[in-house]
């Protein structure tokens, strides 16, 4: 994340199984607040979803995975 340019760059693309998501806040364990939306990959504006992205998280669409989107409230 770059606060000077108001952007975040994700070098790993969304591959259909794993995806980057932006969150409105941070927590003791990582990202917190609400899920703002899925990042498209590459360079994204931190205000992409009308609210500033404070944290990003890589998650899996596999429900049995500890890092699943389902665990963070994304189905």
N, C-alpha and C. Protein backbone atom coordinates (compact mmCIF):
# COMPACT_ATOMS: atom_id res chain seq x y z
N UNK A 1 0.84 -1.17 0.00
CA UNK A 1 0.00 0.00 0.00
C UNK A 1 0.89 1.23 0.00
N UNK A 2 0.48 2.22 -0.78
CA UNK A 2 1.25 3.44 -0.87
C UNK A 2 0.32 4.61 -0.57
N UNK A 3 0.52 5.23 0.59
CA UNK A 3 -0.35 6.34 1.00
C UNK A 3 -0.11 7.60 0.18
N UNK A 4 1.07 7.76 -0.39
CA UNK A 4 1.36 8.94 -1.20
C UNK A 4 0.57 8.93 -2.51
N UNK A 5 0.48 7.77 -3.14
CA UNK A 5 -0.25 7.67 -4.41
C UNK A 5 -1.68 7.17 -4.21
N UNK A 6 -2.03 6.83 -2.97
CA UNK A 6 -3.37 6.35 -2.64
C UNK A 6 -3.72 5.07 -3.41
N UNK A 7 -2.72 4.17 -3.53
CA UNK A 7 -2.92 2.94 -4.29
C UNK A 7 -2.38 1.73 -3.52
N UNK A 8 -2.81 0.56 -3.97
CA UNK A 8 -2.27 -0.71 -3.49
C UNK A 8 -1.98 -1.55 -4.73
N UNK A 9 -0.87 -2.27 -4.70
CA UNK A 9 -0.49 -3.11 -5.83
C UNK A 9 -0.45 -4.55 -5.38
N UNK A 10 -1.19 -5.41 -6.07
CA UNK A 10 -1.17 -6.84 -5.78
C UNK A 10 -0.47 -7.53 -6.95
N UNK A 11 0.69 -8.10 -6.67
CA UNK A 11 1.49 -8.70 -7.75
C UNK A 11 1.01 -10.10 -8.12
N UNK A 12 0.30 -10.75 -7.23
CA UNK A 12 -0.25 -12.08 -7.52
C UNK A 12 -1.67 -11.89 -8.01
N UNK A 13 -1.96 -12.40 -9.17
CA UNK A 13 -3.29 -12.20 -9.74
C UNK A 13 -4.32 -13.12 -9.10
N UNK A 14 -5.58 -12.74 -9.20
CA UNK A 14 -6.68 -13.59 -8.76
C UNK A 14 -6.73 -14.78 -9.71
N UNK A 15 -6.58 -15.99 -9.18
CA UNK A 15 -6.48 -17.16 -10.04
C UNK A 15 -7.74 -18.02 -10.06
N UNK A 16 -8.82 -17.53 -9.49
CA UNK A 16 -10.05 -18.31 -9.46
C UNK A 16 -10.24 -19.07 -8.16
N UNK A 17 -9.15 -19.39 -7.49
CA UNK A 17 -9.21 -20.08 -6.19
C UNK A 17 -8.85 -19.11 -5.07
N UNK A 18 -7.79 -18.35 -5.27
CA UNK A 18 -7.36 -17.35 -4.29
C UNK A 18 -7.63 -15.97 -4.83
N UNK A 19 -8.07 -15.07 -3.94
CA UNK A 19 -8.43 -13.71 -4.34
C UNK A 19 -8.01 -12.70 -3.27
N UNK A 20 -7.74 -11.48 -3.70
CA UNK A 20 -7.44 -10.38 -2.79
C UNK A 20 -8.73 -9.63 -2.46
N UNK A 21 -8.93 -9.32 -1.17
CA UNK A 21 -10.07 -8.53 -0.74
C UNK A 21 -9.58 -7.34 0.07
N UNK A 22 -10.27 -6.22 -0.07
CA UNK A 22 -9.96 -5.01 0.68
C UNK A 22 -10.91 -4.87 1.86
N UNK A 23 -10.37 -4.42 3.00
CA UNK A 23 -11.14 -4.23 4.23
C UNK A 23 -11.09 -2.79 4.69
N UNK A 24 -12.09 -2.38 5.44
CA UNK A 24 -12.19 -1.00 5.92
C UNK A 24 -11.32 -0.72 7.13
N UNK A 25 -10.77 -1.75 7.77
CA UNK A 25 -9.97 -1.54 8.97
C UNK A 25 -8.98 -2.64 9.21
N UNK A 26 -8.30 -2.51 10.32
CA UNK A 26 -7.34 -3.54 10.74
C UNK A 26 -7.75 -4.04 12.13
N UNK A 27 -7.21 -5.17 12.51
CA UNK A 27 -7.47 -5.72 13.83
C UNK A 27 -6.18 -6.31 14.37
N UNK A 28 -6.24 -6.79 15.57
CA UNK A 28 -5.09 -7.41 16.21
C UNK A 28 -4.57 -8.60 15.40
N UNK A 29 -5.48 -9.31 14.73
CA UNK A 29 -5.13 -10.51 13.97
C UNK A 29 -4.99 -10.27 12.47
N UNK A 30 -5.04 -9.02 12.04
CA UNK A 30 -4.92 -8.72 10.61
C UNK A 30 -5.95 -7.71 10.18
N UNK A 31 -6.76 -8.09 9.20
CA UNK A 31 -7.79 -7.19 8.67
C UNK A 31 -9.03 -7.23 9.54
N UNK A 32 -9.70 -6.08 9.62
CA UNK A 32 -10.92 -5.98 10.40
C UNK A 32 -11.89 -5.05 9.70
N UNK A 33 -12.93 -4.67 10.42
CA UNK A 33 -13.95 -3.82 9.81
C UNK A 33 -14.78 -4.62 8.84
N UNK A 34 -15.24 -3.97 7.79
CA UNK A 34 -16.08 -4.68 6.84
C UNK A 34 -15.31 -4.96 5.55
N UNK A 35 -15.77 -5.99 4.85
CA UNK A 35 -15.18 -6.34 3.56
C UNK A 35 -15.71 -5.33 2.55
N UNK A 36 -14.80 -4.60 1.90
CA UNK A 36 -15.21 -3.60 0.92
C UNK A 36 -15.41 -4.20 -0.46
N UNK A 37 -14.61 -5.19 -0.80
CA UNK A 37 -14.76 -5.84 -2.09
C UNK A 37 -13.49 -6.51 -2.56
N UNK A 38 -13.63 -7.22 -3.64
CA UNK A 38 -12.52 -7.97 -4.24
C UNK A 38 -11.66 -7.03 -5.07
N UNK A 39 -10.35 -7.13 -4.93
CA UNK A 39 -9.42 -6.31 -5.71
C UNK A 39 -9.18 -6.98 -7.06
N UNK A 40 -9.12 -6.19 -8.12
CA UNK A 40 -8.99 -6.76 -9.46
C UNK A 40 -7.59 -7.28 -9.80
N UNK A 41 -6.60 -6.97 -9.03
CA UNK A 41 -5.22 -7.36 -9.34
C UNK A 41 -4.49 -6.20 -10.00
N UNK A 42 -3.18 -6.15 -9.82
CA UNK A 42 -2.41 -5.03 -10.34
C UNK A 42 -2.54 -3.84 -9.40
N UNK A 43 -2.60 -2.65 -9.95
CA UNK A 43 -2.67 -1.42 -9.18
C UNK A 43 -4.13 -0.99 -8.99
N UNK A 44 -4.52 -0.78 -7.74
CA UNK A 44 -5.90 -0.36 -7.43
C UNK A 44 -5.87 0.88 -6.54
N UNK A 45 -6.85 1.74 -6.73
CA UNK A 45 -7.01 2.92 -5.89
C UNK A 45 -7.54 2.48 -4.52
N UNK A 46 -7.01 3.07 -3.44
CA UNK A 46 -7.47 2.71 -2.09
C UNK A 46 -8.92 3.13 -1.84
N UNK A 47 -9.45 4.03 -2.65
CA UNK A 47 -10.84 4.46 -2.53
C UNK A 47 -11.75 3.78 -3.54
N UNK A 48 -11.32 2.67 -4.09
CA UNK A 48 -12.03 1.95 -5.14
C UNK A 48 -13.50 1.70 -4.82
N UNK A 49 -13.82 1.42 -3.57
CA UNK A 49 -15.19 1.06 -3.19
C UNK A 49 -15.90 2.17 -2.42
N UNK A 50 -15.44 3.41 -2.56
CA UNK A 50 -16.09 4.54 -1.91
C UNK A 50 -15.68 4.73 -0.46
N UNK A 51 -15.00 3.78 0.09
CA UNK A 51 -14.47 3.86 1.45
C UNK A 51 -13.01 3.41 1.37
N UNK A 52 -12.14 4.06 2.10
CA UNK A 52 -10.70 3.78 1.99
C UNK A 52 -10.35 2.37 2.46
N UNK A 53 -9.63 1.65 1.63
CA UNK A 53 -9.10 0.33 1.98
C UNK A 53 -7.96 0.52 2.96
N UNK A 54 -8.06 -0.11 4.11
CA UNK A 54 -7.04 -0.01 5.15
C UNK A 54 -6.17 -1.26 5.23
N UNK A 55 -6.68 -2.37 4.72
CA UNK A 55 -6.00 -3.65 4.85
C UNK A 55 -6.44 -4.55 3.69
N UNK A 56 -5.55 -5.41 3.22
CA UNK A 56 -5.93 -6.38 2.19
C UNK A 56 -5.65 -7.78 2.69
N UNK A 57 -6.43 -8.72 2.20
CA UNK A 57 -6.27 -10.12 2.61
C UNK A 57 -6.45 -11.03 1.41
N UNK A 58 -5.60 -12.05 1.34
CA UNK A 58 -5.61 -13.08 0.31
C UNK A 58 -6.43 -14.22 0.86
N UNK A 59 -7.47 -14.62 0.17
CA UNK A 59 -8.29 -15.71 0.70
C UNK A 59 -8.62 -16.73 -0.38
N UNK A 60 -9.01 -17.90 0.07
CA UNK A 60 -9.31 -19.02 -0.81
C UNK A 60 -10.81 -19.20 -0.94
N UNK A 61 -11.26 -19.64 -2.11
CA UNK A 61 -12.68 -19.95 -2.30
C UNK A 61 -13.01 -21.36 -1.83
N UNK A 62 -12.01 -22.12 -1.40
CA UNK A 62 -12.24 -23.47 -0.87
C UNK A 62 -12.74 -23.36 0.55
N UNK A 63 -13.93 -23.89 0.82
CA UNK A 63 -14.54 -23.74 2.14
C UNK A 63 -13.80 -24.47 3.25
N UNK A 64 -13.03 -25.49 2.92
CA UNK A 64 -12.32 -26.25 3.96
C UNK A 64 -10.97 -25.63 4.32
N UNK A 65 -10.58 -24.60 3.64
CA UNK A 65 -9.29 -23.95 3.85
C UNK A 65 -9.38 -22.98 5.04
N UNK A 66 -8.34 -22.93 5.89
CA UNK A 66 -8.30 -22.00 7.03
C UNK A 66 -8.33 -20.55 6.58
N UNK A 67 -7.95 -20.29 5.34
CA UNK A 67 -7.94 -18.93 4.81
C UNK A 67 -9.09 -18.71 3.83
N UNK A 68 -10.18 -19.42 4.04
CA UNK A 68 -11.29 -19.35 3.08
C UNK A 68 -12.02 -18.02 3.16
N UNK A 69 -12.63 -17.63 2.06
CA UNK A 69 -13.45 -16.42 2.01
C UNK A 69 -14.64 -16.58 2.92
N UNK A 70 -15.12 -17.80 3.11
CA UNK A 70 -16.26 -18.09 3.96
C UNK A 70 -15.92 -17.74 5.42
N UNK A 71 -14.68 -18.00 5.84
CA UNK A 71 -14.24 -17.70 7.19
C UNK A 71 -14.35 -16.20 7.47
N UNK A 72 -14.08 -15.38 6.46
CA UNK A 72 -14.12 -13.92 6.67
C UNK A 72 -15.46 -13.33 6.28
N UNK A 73 -16.44 -14.14 6.01
CA UNK A 73 -17.78 -13.64 5.72
C UNK A 73 -18.08 -13.47 4.25
N UNK A 74 -17.25 -14.01 3.39
CA UNK A 74 -17.51 -13.94 1.95
C UNK A 74 -17.91 -15.32 1.46
N UNK A 75 -19.01 -15.41 0.78
CA UNK A 75 -19.47 -16.69 0.28
C UNK A 75 -19.33 -16.82 -1.20
